[in-house]
Amino acid sequence: MKLVKSLLLGSAAGLIAVGGAQAADLPVKAKAVEYVKICSLYGAGFYYIPGTDTCIKLGGYLRAEVGLNTNSIYDSQRTAPAAGRNRLSNYYTMRAREDLNIDTRTATEYGVVRTFFDATFSWTTGGYQGTGSGFGGTAYTGTLALNNAGASPALVGSSINPTDGGTSGGSLGVYYAFIQFAGFTMGKAVSQFDAPWTNYPGNNFDGLVGGSGTVTGVNQFTYTADFGQGVTAAFSAEDATAYYQAGNLNVSSAAGAAAIAGLTTGALGANAIGGSRSPNLVGMVRVDQAWGLFQASVAAHDNHVAYYGATETTGHPDDKWGWAVQLALSIKNIPTGAGDVINISGVYTDGATRYNFQNLAGGSYIMYGGSSLAYQSVAAVTAPDTTYVTGGSQESVKTWGFRGAYTHNWDPYWNTAIYGAYAQAQFGGGTKTFLCGAGGVFSSVAGVTSCNPDFNIGQIGLITRWTPVKNLTFSGDFTWTHVDQKYAGVVAAGANFPVAKPAATTELKDQDSFTLLLRAQRNW
């Protein structure tokens, strides 16, 4: 009995000991950890990066769209192959795009430090151009002519020679990547010359002429001063390469047999842009208040040419500085309806053409059409920054233009914008004499009855948007582009293989383009 009692007591003591040990090992209920903390310092959508005092916001959009009667989502039928208007021209071009942007901000004793990054991932339909093969060969253009980086000066006004043998076009674009601190902006951002709406006064068609527009950003080093009451001023040094180089053309190369090509393909001369020497220098003053805004911008652009010929010994023209000035006005709270707005701007350039013919619009148009006098007709024009002849000095091309839009909100779900643009390019007297004077390169071509390299571009469009739910918008954007060129006559043109045009009689004639863009976009 004593033995049983001892066993029972021993077992009970053991169970108590084990139970005590287990109770001591039980976890205490911890306070919930807040892994994501809202940052209310900079507006909605910001969160603290865990373990830091830096706030971050992610944003972007997904877009699906189709451009009708064009080989480009964002442009008119101004270059090959769309401009040929034959069996090589697309009836439609499709694109899917995802945009991602990352905004970070940190409060410091010197003010807010901000970084901003924006990139796009696109998948775009391509097109086919002729190769000049005697068997009707074509080659895929891919994304070479269809990305949103803008055509390089080497490709402007020329026929692209594609080598991509694929069947689709995927591309990556870095639009913005900059740091802001103590009033300074360093990196790739919208030019300080641009109006706040860049090249979209009505949130519309990409290819509007009549003003500046670096919607894809430009590398810069900028200081912005804030004087209060909505008044700011900025001074900026901005990278001129590609986005702000419309070309420096040696028109001597257009002489002789090349004269026909100049008249019918816009090849006025050999492009001889030299290495980078100076960034564009930009100044801007803006007044931004409840009634709207007013902005005045100026820019200086260095035209630096390589050589007259293939080697250093051929010599070179001296640098020539160009300049541009732009005024922009936005009027809000107009009587036609809540949220309605009018945006307008005007620009003048002298040797700085890209501030009028912005990079997405381009400065070259080679458009074919029908003719009652010849096999075909063509308008072939181009607007470089400067022109010169071998042994001579640079002569600037002068341009002026304007653009604007009126946007009306029918109700919270529907709005419509009507927009338009106009730009004119004028060549210097020396170039006009060389090309079109008595015995000039172009005026001597058989069949030319009027010779003048100047030209005008006129555009008008209408866009309607429907937003059935927040951040989801469907739109239709119709645009008409008219090329008013100043040549006249019927000439014996050479073949243009990228658009399958034969060597045939060709009338020098104005041309028109009509395009429609249908888009669905979800912002987030």
Protein backbone atom coordinates (compact mmCIF):
# COMPACT_ATOMS: atom_id res chain seq x y z
CA MET A 1 0.00 0.00 0.00
CA LYS A 2 2.83 2.31 0.88
CA LEU A 3 4.45 1.41 -2.44
CA VAL A 4 1.31 2.31 -4.43
CA LYS A 5 0.92 5.56 -2.49
CA SER A 6 4.53 6.47 -3.22
CA LEU A 7 4.11 5.75 -6.92
CA LEU A 8 0.97 7.88 -7.13
CA LEU A 9 2.57 10.79 -5.31
CA GLY A 10 5.69 10.52 -7.46
CA SER A 11 3.67 10.49 -10.66
CA ALA A 12 1.64 13.51 -9.55
CA ALA A 13 4.79 15.42 -8.69
CA GLY A 14 6.26 14.54 -12.06
CA LEU A 15 3.13 15.70 -13.89
CA ILE A 16 3.15 18.97 -11.95
CA ALA A 17 6.80 19.50 -12.82
CA VAL A 18 6.22 18.76 -16.50
CA GLY A 19 3.14 20.95 -16.55
CA GLY A 20 5.10 23.76 -14.93
CA ALA A 21 7.88 23.43 -17.50
CA GLN A 22 5.38 23.47 -20.37
CA ALA A 23 3.58 26.46 -18.90
CA ALA A 24 6.87 28.30 -18.67
CA ASP A 25 7.55 27.54 -22.35
CA LEU A 26 4.18 28.84 -23.62
CA PRO A 27 4.63 31.98 -25.78
CA VAL A 28 3.25 35.24 -24.50
CA LYS A 29 0.85 36.90 -26.94
CA ALA A 30 2.97 39.54 -28.74
CA LYS A 31 1.78 42.98 -29.76
CA ALA A 32 0.83 43.11 -33.44
CA VAL A 33 3.66 44.38 -35.66
CA GLU A 34 2.70 47.15 -38.11
CA TYR A 35 4.70 46.07 -41.16
CA VAL A 36 3.28 48.74 -43.49
CA LYS A 37 2.80 52.19 -42.02
CA ILE A 38 0.93 54.92 -43.88
CA CYS A 39 2.93 58.08 -44.62
CA SER A 40 0.59 61.08 -44.64
CA LEU A 41 3.29 63.74 -45.25
CA TYR A 42 3.13 63.76 -49.06
CA GLY A 43 -0.44 62.86 -49.95
CA ALA A 44 -2.39 59.67 -50.56
CA GLY A 45 -0.64 56.45 -51.55
CA PHE A 46 2.64 56.88 -49.65
CA TYR A 47 3.93 54.31 -47.13
CA TYR A 48 7.04 54.13 -45.00
CA ILE A 49 9.63 51.68 -46.23
CA PRO A 50 9.92 49.29 -43.22
CA GLY A 51 12.81 50.19 -40.96
CA THR A 52 13.38 53.62 -42.55
CA ASP A 53 12.04 57.16 -42.46
CA THR A 54 11.66 57.15 -46.28
CA CYS A 55 8.17 57.19 -47.83
CA ILE A 56 7.45 55.39 -51.09
CA LYS A 57 4.59 55.40 -53.58
CA LEU A 58 4.08 53.02 -56.50
CA GLY A 59 1.97 54.00 -59.49
CA GLY A 60 1.47 53.49 -63.19
CA TYR A 61 -1.01 52.39 -65.80
CA LEU A 62 -1.79 49.60 -68.23
CA ARG A 63 -2.83 50.64 -71.72
CA ALA A 64 -4.19 48.78 -74.75
CA GLU A 65 -4.57 50.74 -77.98
CA VAL A 66 -4.83 50.59 -81.74
CA GLY A 67 -3.90 53.28 -84.28
CA LEU A 68 -5.89 53.15 -87.50
CA ASN A 69 -4.45 54.22 -90.88
CA THR A 70 -0.91 54.50 -89.56
CA ASN A 71 2.19 52.40 -88.93
CA SER A 72 2.73 54.18 -85.64
CA ILE A 73 0.65 54.48 -82.49
CA TYR A 74 1.69 58.06 -81.85
CA ASP A 75 2.17 59.69 -85.27
CA SER A 76 0.60 60.42 -88.65
CA GLN A 77 1.46 58.88 -92.02
CA ARG A 78 4.54 61.06 -92.41
CA THR A 79 7.32 58.51 -93.11
CA ALA A 80 7.84 55.06 -94.59
CA PRO A 81 6.11 52.68 -94.81
CA ALA A 82 2.80 54.34 -93.84
CA ALA A 83 3.43 57.35 -96.09
CA GLY A 84 3.57 55.14 -99.20
CA ARG A 85 -0.16 54.49 -98.94
CA ASN A 86 0.07 51.19 -100.76
CA ARG A 87 0.21 47.48 -99.92
CA LEU A 88 3.10 48.07 -97.49
CA SER A 89 1.10 50.51 -95.36
CA ASN A 90 -0.61 49.26 -92.19
CA TYR A 91 -4.35 49.71 -91.86
CA TYR A 92 -3.80 49.37 -88.11
CA THR A 93 -1.01 49.26 -85.53
CA MET A 94 -1.58 47.77 -82.06
CA ARG A 95 0.25 48.22 -78.79
CA ALA A 96 0.00 47.03 -75.18
CA ARG A 97 1.95 49.01 -72.58
CA GLU A 98 2.60 48.84 -68.84
CA ASP A 99 3.95 51.91 -67.06
CA LEU A 100 5.61 51.69 -63.63
CA ASN A 101 6.70 54.66 -61.54
CA ILE A 102 8.38 54.77 -58.13
CA ASP A 103 8.32 57.95 -56.01
CA THR A 104 10.38 58.14 -52.79
CA ARG A 105 10.65 61.06 -50.35
CA THR A 106 12.63 61.62 -47.17
CA ALA A 107 12.38 64.61 -44.84
CA THR A 108 15.80 65.99 -43.86
CA GLU A 109 17.16 69.08 -42.12
CA TYR A 110 17.83 70.49 -45.62
CA GLY A 111 14.33 69.79 -46.93
CA VAL A 112 12.76 66.85 -48.72
CA VAL A 113 14.97 64.52 -50.76
CA ARG A 114 12.95 63.02 -53.61
CA THR A 115 13.71 60.41 -56.25
CA PHE A 116 11.38 59.55 -59.10
CA PHE A 117 11.60 56.74 -61.67
CA ASP A 118 9.21 55.98 -64.52
CA ALA A 119 9.59 53.18 -67.07
CA THR A 120 7.38 51.66 -69.76
CA PHE A 121 7.22 48.11 -71.08
CA SER A 122 5.62 47.96 -74.53
CA TRP A 123 4.62 45.39 -77.11
CA THR A 124 3.97 47.01 -80.49
CA THR A 125 2.88 45.79 -83.89
CA GLY A 126 5.53 46.38 -86.54
CA GLY A 127 5.33 46.79 -90.28
CA TYR A 128 7.07 45.78 -93.48
CA GLN A 129 9.19 47.82 -95.88
CA GLY A 130 10.54 46.93 -99.30
CA THR A 131 14.16 45.84 -99.67
CA GLY A 132 14.55 46.65 -103.35
CA SER A 133 14.63 42.98 -104.20
CA GLY A 134 13.55 42.09 -107.71
CA PHE A 135 11.26 39.47 -106.19
CA GLY A 136 9.19 41.80 -103.99
CA GLY A 137 11.20 41.17 -100.82
CA THR A 138 10.25 42.96 -97.60
CA ALA A 139 11.80 43.26 -94.14
CA TYR A 140 10.17 43.74 -90.76
CA THR A 141 10.59 47.17 -89.17
CA GLY A 142 10.15 45.92 -85.60
CA THR A 143 10.41 48.56 -82.91
CA LEU A 144 13.13 50.49 -84.77
CA ALA A 145 10.63 53.03 -86.07
CA LEU A 146 7.85 52.42 -83.58
CA ASN A 147 9.26 53.02 -80.10
CA ASN A 148 8.51 56.21 -78.22
CA ALA A 149 12.08 57.40 -77.93
CA GLY A 150 11.76 59.56 -81.06
CA ALA A 151 13.63 59.09 -84.31
CA SER A 152 17.33 59.82 -84.22
CA PRO A 153 18.68 62.52 -86.55
CA ALA A 154 20.28 59.85 -88.73
CA LEU A 155 16.84 58.37 -89.41
CA VAL A 156 14.81 61.56 -89.71
CA GLY A 157 13.78 62.07 -93.29
CA SER A 158 15.39 58.84 -94.43
CA SER A 159 14.13 55.37 -95.13
CA ILE A 160 14.91 52.94 -92.33
CA ASN A 161 16.74 49.82 -93.37
CA PRO A 162 15.41 47.20 -90.94
CA THR A 163 17.37 44.06 -90.10
CA ASP A 164 15.02 42.58 -87.49
CA GLY A 165 13.65 39.30 -88.76
CA GLY A 166 11.17 38.88 -85.87
CA THR A 167 7.43 39.17 -85.93
CA SER A 168 6.71 41.47 -83.00
CA GLY A 169 8.12 44.46 -81.17
CA GLY A 170 8.85 44.53 -77.45
CA SER A 171 10.62 47.56 -75.98
CA LEU A 172 11.64 49.13 -72.68
CA GLY A 173 11.60 52.89 -72.22
CA VAL A 174 13.06 54.85 -69.30
CA TYR A 175 11.12 58.10 -69.21
CA TYR A 176 12.08 59.72 -65.91
CA ALA A 177 14.89 59.04 -63.46
CA PHE A 178 15.80 62.04 -61.31
CA ILE A 179 16.73 63.30 -57.84
CA GLN A 180 15.31 66.49 -56.33
CA PHE A 181 16.95 68.21 -53.36
CA ALA A 182 17.06 71.79 -52.06
CA GLY A 183 15.58 73.19 -55.27
CA PHE A 184 17.82 71.15 -57.60
CA THR A 185 16.63 68.56 -60.14
CA MET A 186 19.30 66.15 -61.39
CA GLY A 187 18.59 63.44 -63.97
CA LYS A 188 16.04 62.69 -66.69
CA ALA A 189 12.89 64.81 -66.35
CA VAL A 190 10.58 67.00 -68.45
CA SER A 191 12.39 70.03 -69.86
CA GLN A 192 11.96 73.29 -67.97
CA PHE A 193 11.15 74.88 -71.36
CA ASP A 194 7.97 72.83 -71.70
CA ALA A 195 4.50 73.93 -70.69
CA PRO A 196 3.07 71.79 -67.84
CA TRP A 197 1.04 69.83 -70.39
CA THR A 198 4.19 69.19 -72.53
CA ASN A 199 2.96 68.34 -76.06
CA TYR A 200 -0.60 67.49 -74.93
CA PRO A 201 -2.72 70.65 -74.56
CA GLY A 202 -5.84 68.47 -74.67
CA ASN A 203 -4.30 65.19 -73.44
CA ASN A 204 -4.24 64.06 -77.05
CA PHE A 205 -2.29 62.92 -80.12
CA ASP A 206 1.49 62.60 -79.58
CA GLY A 207 2.67 64.12 -82.85
CA LEU A 208 1.56 67.75 -82.49
CA VAL A 209 3.89 70.39 -83.92
CA GLY A 210 3.86 74.00 -82.74
CA GLY A 211 5.89 73.75 -79.54
CA SER A 212 8.25 71.87 -77.31
CA GLY A 213 7.48 68.56 -75.62
CA THR A 214 9.87 66.17 -73.85
CA VAL A 215 7.19 63.88 -72.47
CA THR A 216 9.82 61.12 -72.30
CA GLY A 217 12.20 63.33 -70.30
CA VAL A 218 15.64 64.83 -70.98
CA ASN A 219 18.81 64.67 -68.86
CA GLN A 220 19.31 67.95 -67.00
CA PHE A 221 20.77 69.83 -64.05
CA THR A 222 18.25 72.41 -62.88
CA TYR A 223 17.74 74.88 -60.06
CA THR A 224 14.18 76.05 -59.33
CA ALA A 225 13.44 79.00 -57.06
CA ASP A 226 10.01 79.30 -55.39
CA PHE A 227 9.04 82.90 -54.63
CA GLY A 228 5.65 82.04 -53.14
CA GLN A 229 2.14 82.91 -54.34
CA GLY A 230 2.59 80.38 -57.16
CA VAL A 231 5.57 82.18 -58.71
CA THR A 232 8.60 80.03 -59.66
CA ALA A 233 11.65 80.43 -61.86
CA ALA A 234 14.13 77.86 -63.12
CA PHE A 235 17.50 77.76 -64.83
CA SER A 236 18.56 74.51 -66.46
CA ALA A 237 21.41 72.89 -68.38
CA GLU A 238 19.83 70.15 -70.52
CA ASP A 239 21.30 67.45 -72.75
CA ALA A 240 20.88 68.45 -76.39
CA THR A 241 21.81 65.08 -77.91
CA ALA A 242 19.07 63.41 -80.02
CA TYR A 243 15.98 65.08 -78.50
CA TYR A 244 17.08 68.62 -79.43
CA GLN A 245 19.11 67.99 -82.60
CA ALA A 246 17.04 68.47 -85.74
CA GLY A 247 20.13 68.28 -87.97
CA ASN A 248 22.95 70.37 -89.47
CA LEU A 249 22.79 69.76 -93.22
CA ASN A 250 25.53 70.27 -95.80
CA VAL A 251 23.32 71.10 -98.78
CA SER A 252 26.27 70.77 -101.19
CA SER A 253 25.58 67.04 -101.23
CA ALA A 254 22.16 67.70 -102.81
CA ALA A 255 23.76 68.90 -106.04
CA GLY A 256 23.92 66.94 -109.27
CA ALA A 257 22.15 63.59 -109.48
CA ALA A 258 21.05 63.90 -105.84
CA ALA A 259 18.75 66.83 -106.69
CA ILE A 260 15.81 64.56 -107.55
CA ALA A 261 16.20 62.76 -104.22
CA GLY A 262 16.15 66.10 -102.44
CA LEU A 263 12.89 67.09 -104.10
CA THR A 264 11.12 63.75 -103.64
CA THR A 265 12.55 62.39 -100.36
CA GLY A 266 13.40 65.60 -98.49
CA ALA A 267 17.11 64.78 -98.45
CA LEU A 268 18.36 68.37 -98.59
CA GLY A 269 21.90 67.42 -97.65
CA ALA A 270 24.26 65.29 -95.58
CA ASN A 271 23.68 65.50 -91.84
CA ALA A 272 26.95 66.38 -90.06
CA ILE A 273 26.17 66.91 -86.37
CA GLY A 274 29.39 66.92 -84.33
CA GLY A 275 30.16 65.76 -80.81
CA SER A 276 28.54 67.25 -77.71
CA ARG A 277 30.05 70.59 -76.71
CA SER A 278 27.44 72.46 -74.68
CA PRO A 279 24.11 71.53 -73.14
CA ASN A 280 21.06 73.57 -74.01
CA LEU A 281 20.68 76.47 -71.58
CA VAL A 282 17.07 77.05 -70.50
CA GLY A 283 15.35 79.69 -68.40
CA MET A 284 11.71 79.65 -67.28
CA VAL A 285 9.33 81.83 -65.21
CA ARG A 286 5.87 80.59 -64.23
CA VAL A 287 2.86 82.02 -62.40
CA ASP A 288 0.53 79.21 -61.29
CA GLN A 289 -2.66 80.23 -59.48
CA ALA A 290 -6.35 79.32 -59.13
CA TRP A 291 -7.33 81.10 -62.37
CA GLY A 292 -4.73 79.15 -64.39
CA LEU A 293 -1.09 79.75 -65.24
CA PHE A 294 1.26 81.74 -67.41
CA GLN A 295 4.75 80.64 -68.39
CA ALA A 296 7.58 82.20 -70.39
CA SER A 297 10.54 80.06 -71.51
CA VAL A 298 13.78 80.74 -73.38
CA ALA A 299 16.49 78.37 -74.59
CA ALA A 300 19.91 78.54 -76.26
CA HIS A 301 21.18 75.69 -78.45
CA ASP A 302 24.74 75.20 -79.75
CA ASN A 303 24.95 73.91 -83.35
CA HIS A 304 28.32 72.12 -83.53
CA VAL A 305 29.18 70.56 -86.90
CA ALA A 306 31.80 67.90 -87.66
CA TYR A 307 33.62 68.47 -91.01
CA TYR A 308 32.87 69.53 -94.57
CA GLY A 309 34.19 66.18 -95.79
CA ALA A 310 35.20 62.77 -94.53
CA THR A 311 38.41 63.83 -92.76
CA GLU A 312 39.75 66.61 -90.51
CA THR A 313 41.69 68.18 -93.34
CA THR A 314 38.49 69.23 -95.12
CA GLY A 315 37.78 71.88 -92.49
CA HIS A 316 34.54 72.77 -90.76
CA PRO A 317 32.10 75.65 -90.22
CA ASP A 318 32.20 77.57 -86.93
CA ASP A 319 29.63 76.82 -84.23
CA LYS A 320 26.40 78.78 -84.42
CA TRP A 321 24.13 79.33 -81.42
CA GLY A 322 20.42 79.01 -81.94
CA TRP A 323 17.64 80.08 -79.61
CA ALA A 324 13.95 79.67 -78.90
CA VAL A 325 11.24 81.46 -76.90
CA GLN A 326 7.84 80.12 -75.87
CA LEU A 327 4.80 81.61 -74.09
CA ALA A 328 2.12 79.37 -72.58
CA LEU A 329 -1.24 80.18 -70.99
CA SER A 330 -3.82 78.03 -69.21
CA ILE A 331 -7.25 79.39 -68.27
CA LYS A 332 -9.33 77.45 -65.74
CA ASN A 333 -12.79 77.92 -64.20
CA ILE A 334 -14.28 79.09 -67.48
CA PRO A 335 -18.08 79.53 -67.66
CA THR A 336 -18.75 76.52 -69.91
CA GLY A 337 -18.51 73.99 -67.08
CA ALA A 338 -16.71 72.72 -64.00
CA GLY A 339 -13.19 71.57 -64.82
CA ASP A 340 -13.22 72.99 -68.35
CA VAL A 341 -9.87 74.42 -69.42
CA ILE A 342 -8.16 76.20 -72.32
CA ASN A 343 -4.43 75.57 -72.90
CA ILE A 344 -2.53 77.53 -75.56
CA SER A 345 1.13 78.18 -76.40
CA GLY A 346 3.20 79.89 -79.08
CA VAL A 347 6.86 79.45 -79.99
CA TYR A 348 9.55 81.02 -82.18
CA THR A 349 12.90 79.37 -82.95
CA ASP A 350 16.07 80.42 -84.73
CA GLY A 351 18.47 77.49 -85.20
CA ALA A 352 16.69 75.44 -82.50
CA THR A 353 13.97 73.67 -84.48
CA ARG A 354 13.14 70.92 -82.00
CA TYR A 355 11.50 73.48 -79.71
CA ASN A 356 8.79 73.76 -82.38
CA PHE A 357 8.87 70.40 -84.21
CA GLN A 358 9.18 68.37 -80.99
CA ASN A 359 10.84 64.98 -81.18
CA LEU A 360 7.66 62.86 -81.29
CA ALA A 361 6.30 65.00 -84.14
CA GLY A 362 9.60 65.05 -86.02
CA GLY A 363 10.67 67.57 -88.61
CA SER A 364 10.53 65.47 -91.79
CA TYR A 365 7.52 64.50 -93.89
CA ILE A 366 7.71 62.28 -97.00
CA MET A 367 4.11 61.54 -97.96
CA TYR A 368 2.80 60.06 -101.23
CA GLY A 369 -0.60 60.41 -102.86
CA GLY A 370 -2.45 60.29 -106.14
CA SER A 371 -2.19 62.69 -109.06
CA SER A 372 -4.16 63.63 -112.17
CA LEU A 373 -0.95 64.84 -113.85
CA ALA A 374 1.51 62.04 -113.10
CA TYR A 375 1.90 58.48 -111.85
CA GLN A 376 1.98 59.71 -108.24
CA SER A 377 2.42 62.81 -106.07
CA VAL A 378 4.65 63.54 -103.09
CA ALA A 379 5.29 66.13 -100.40
CA ALA A 380 8.89 65.82 -99.17
CA VAL A 381 10.01 68.43 -96.64
CA THR A 382 12.40 68.65 -93.70
CA ALA A 383 13.30 71.25 -91.05
CA PRO A 384 16.88 71.02 -89.70
CA ASP A 385 18.49 73.43 -87.23
CA THR A 386 21.02 74.82 -89.72
CA THR A 387 22.22 74.44 -93.30
CA TYR A 388 25.53 75.29 -95.00
CA VAL A 389 27.59 74.65 -98.12
CA THR A 390 31.13 73.27 -98.22
CA GLY A 391 33.48 76.09 -97.29
CA GLY A 392 30.66 78.26 -95.95
CA SER A 393 29.09 79.16 -92.60
CA GLN A 394 26.03 77.74 -90.93
CA GLU A 395 22.73 79.43 -91.70
CA SER A 396 19.91 78.93 -89.20
CA VAL A 397 16.43 77.72 -90.07
CA LYS A 398 13.73 79.89 -88.50
CA THR A 399 10.39 78.47 -87.38
CA TRP A 400 7.30 79.60 -85.55
CA GLY A 401 4.18 77.86 -84.42
CA PHE A 402 1.38 77.53 -81.93
CA ARG A 403 -0.96 74.90 -80.54
CA GLY A 404 -3.85 74.73 -78.13
CA ALA A 405 -6.89 72.86 -76.92
CA TYR A 406 -10.25 73.38 -75.28
CA THR A 407 -11.48 70.61 -72.97
CA HIS A 408 -15.14 70.40 -71.94
CA ASN A 409 -16.55 68.06 -69.27
CA TRP A 410 -20.05 66.93 -70.22
CA ASP A 411 -20.56 65.21 -66.87
CA PRO A 412 -18.35 63.34 -64.36
CA TYR A 413 -17.93 60.49 -66.86
CA TRP A 414 -17.54 62.10 -70.30
CA ASN A 415 -15.29 64.84 -71.67
CA THR A 416 -14.20 66.07 -75.09
CA ALA A 417 -11.23 68.12 -76.25
CA ILE A 418 -10.78 69.86 -79.57
CA TYR A 419 -7.18 70.70 -80.37
CA GLY A 420 -5.03 72.10 -83.14
CA ALA A 421 -1.48 73.06 -84.07
CA TYR A 422 0.41 74.94 -86.75
CA ALA A 423 4.11 75.26 -87.54
CA GLN A 424 6.08 76.99 -90.28
CA ALA A 425 9.72 76.45 -91.29
CA GLN A 426 11.69 79.09 -93.22
CA PHE A 427 15.16 78.61 -94.70
CA GLY A 428 17.83 81.30 -94.96
CA GLY A 429 18.48 83.31 -98.10
CA GLY A 430 21.79 81.64 -98.89
CA THR A 431 20.26 78.15 -98.82
CA LYS A 432 17.29 79.23 -100.91
CA THR A 433 19.60 80.74 -103.52
CA PHE A 434 21.75 77.60 -103.64
CA LEU A 435 18.75 75.29 -103.99
CA CYS A 436 16.20 77.42 -105.82
CA GLY A 437 17.91 80.50 -107.27
CA ALA A 438 18.75 80.97 -110.93
CA GLY A 439 20.61 77.81 -111.91
CA GLY A 440 19.98 76.39 -108.43
CA VAL A 441 20.23 72.70 -107.56
CA PHE A 442 16.45 72.11 -107.44
CA SER A 443 15.19 74.86 -109.72
CA SER A 444 17.27 73.40 -112.57
CA VAL A 445 15.52 70.02 -112.39
CA ALA A 446 13.35 69.46 -115.45
CA GLY A 447 9.66 69.95 -114.68
CA VAL A 448 10.02 72.16 -111.58
CA THR A 449 7.78 75.22 -111.94
CA SER A 450 8.07 76.59 -108.40
CA CYS A 451 10.96 76.05 -105.98
CA ASN A 452 10.99 76.85 -102.26
CA PRO A 453 12.12 74.56 -99.39
CA ASP A 454 9.87 76.37 -96.85
CA PHE A 455 6.78 74.53 -95.63
CA ASN A 456 3.88 74.61 -93.15
CA ILE A 457 2.20 71.89 -91.10
CA GLY A 458 -1.40 72.24 -89.93
CA GLN A 459 -3.20 69.84 -87.58
CA ILE A 460 -6.61 69.59 -85.98
CA GLY A 461 -8.11 66.84 -83.85
CA LEU A 462 -10.96 65.75 -81.63
CA ILE A 463 -10.78 63.36 -78.69
CA THR A 464 -13.62 62.04 -76.52
CA ARG A 465 -13.04 60.12 -73.29
CA TRP A 466 -15.39 57.98 -71.18
CA THR A 467 -14.50 57.09 -67.59
CA PRO A 468 -17.23 54.70 -66.37
CA VAL A 469 -15.39 53.97 -63.10
CA LYS A 470 -12.53 55.71 -61.37
CA ASN A 471 -9.13 55.33 -63.13
CA LEU A 472 -10.51 53.40 -66.14
CA THR A 473 -10.82 55.45 -69.34
CA PHE A 474 -11.77 54.63 -72.93
CA SER A 475 -10.99 57.19 -75.64
CA GLY A 476 -11.20 57.86 -79.37
CA ASP A 477 -8.81 60.43 -80.89
CA PHE A 478 -9.17 61.56 -84.54
CA THR A 479 -6.42 63.73 -86.11
CA TRP A 480 -5.98 65.43 -89.47
CA THR A 481 -2.49 66.52 -90.55
CA HIS A 482 -1.92 68.72 -93.62
CA VAL A 483 1.49 69.28 -95.23
CA ASP A 484 1.63 72.57 -97.14
CA GLN A 485 4.82 72.36 -99.21
CA LYS A 486 5.99 75.10 -101.60
CA TYR A 487 7.36 73.12 -104.57
CA ALA A 488 5.34 72.68 -107.78
CA GLY A 489 5.78 70.77 -111.00
CA VAL A 490 6.07 67.25 -112.37
CA VAL A 491 9.48 65.58 -112.21
CA ALA A 492 10.99 62.24 -113.18
CA ALA A 493 11.55 60.84 -109.69
CA GLY A 494 13.83 57.97 -108.82
CA ALA A 495 12.69 54.74 -107.17
CA ASN A 496 11.98 54.69 -103.42
CA PHE A 497 12.26 51.03 -102.51
CA PRO A 498 11.22 51.13 -98.81
CA VAL A 499 7.74 52.19 -99.95
CA ALA A 500 7.89 50.30 -103.28
CA LYS A 501 7.62 53.49 -105.35
CA PRO A 502 9.01 53.16 -108.89
CA ALA A 503 11.10 55.60 -110.89
CA ALA A 504 8.17 57.47 -112.44
CA THR A 505 6.70 60.88 -113.12
CA THR A 506 5.82 62.49 -109.79
CA GLU A 507 3.84 65.63 -109.02
CA LEU A 508 5.14 67.87 -106.22
CA LYS A 509 1.97 68.40 -104.21
CA ASP A 510 0.51 69.02 -100.71
CA GLN A 511 -0.56 65.93 -98.77
CA ASP A 512 -3.00 65.00 -95.97
CA SER A 513 -3.13 62.29 -93.33
CA PHE A 514 -6.11 61.08 -91.29
CA THR A 515 -5.57 58.82 -88.28
CA LEU A 516 -7.71 57.46 -85.46
CA LEU A 517 -6.41 56.24 -82.10
CA LEU A 518 -8.61 53.99 -79.91
CA ARG A 519 -7.37 53.44 -76.35
CA ALA A 520 -8.30 51.74 -73.09
CA GLN A 521 -6.27 52.71 -70.02
CA ARG A 522 -6.37 51.65 -66.38
CA ASN A 523 -4.41 53.86 -63.96
CA TRP A 524 -3.34 52.58 -60.59
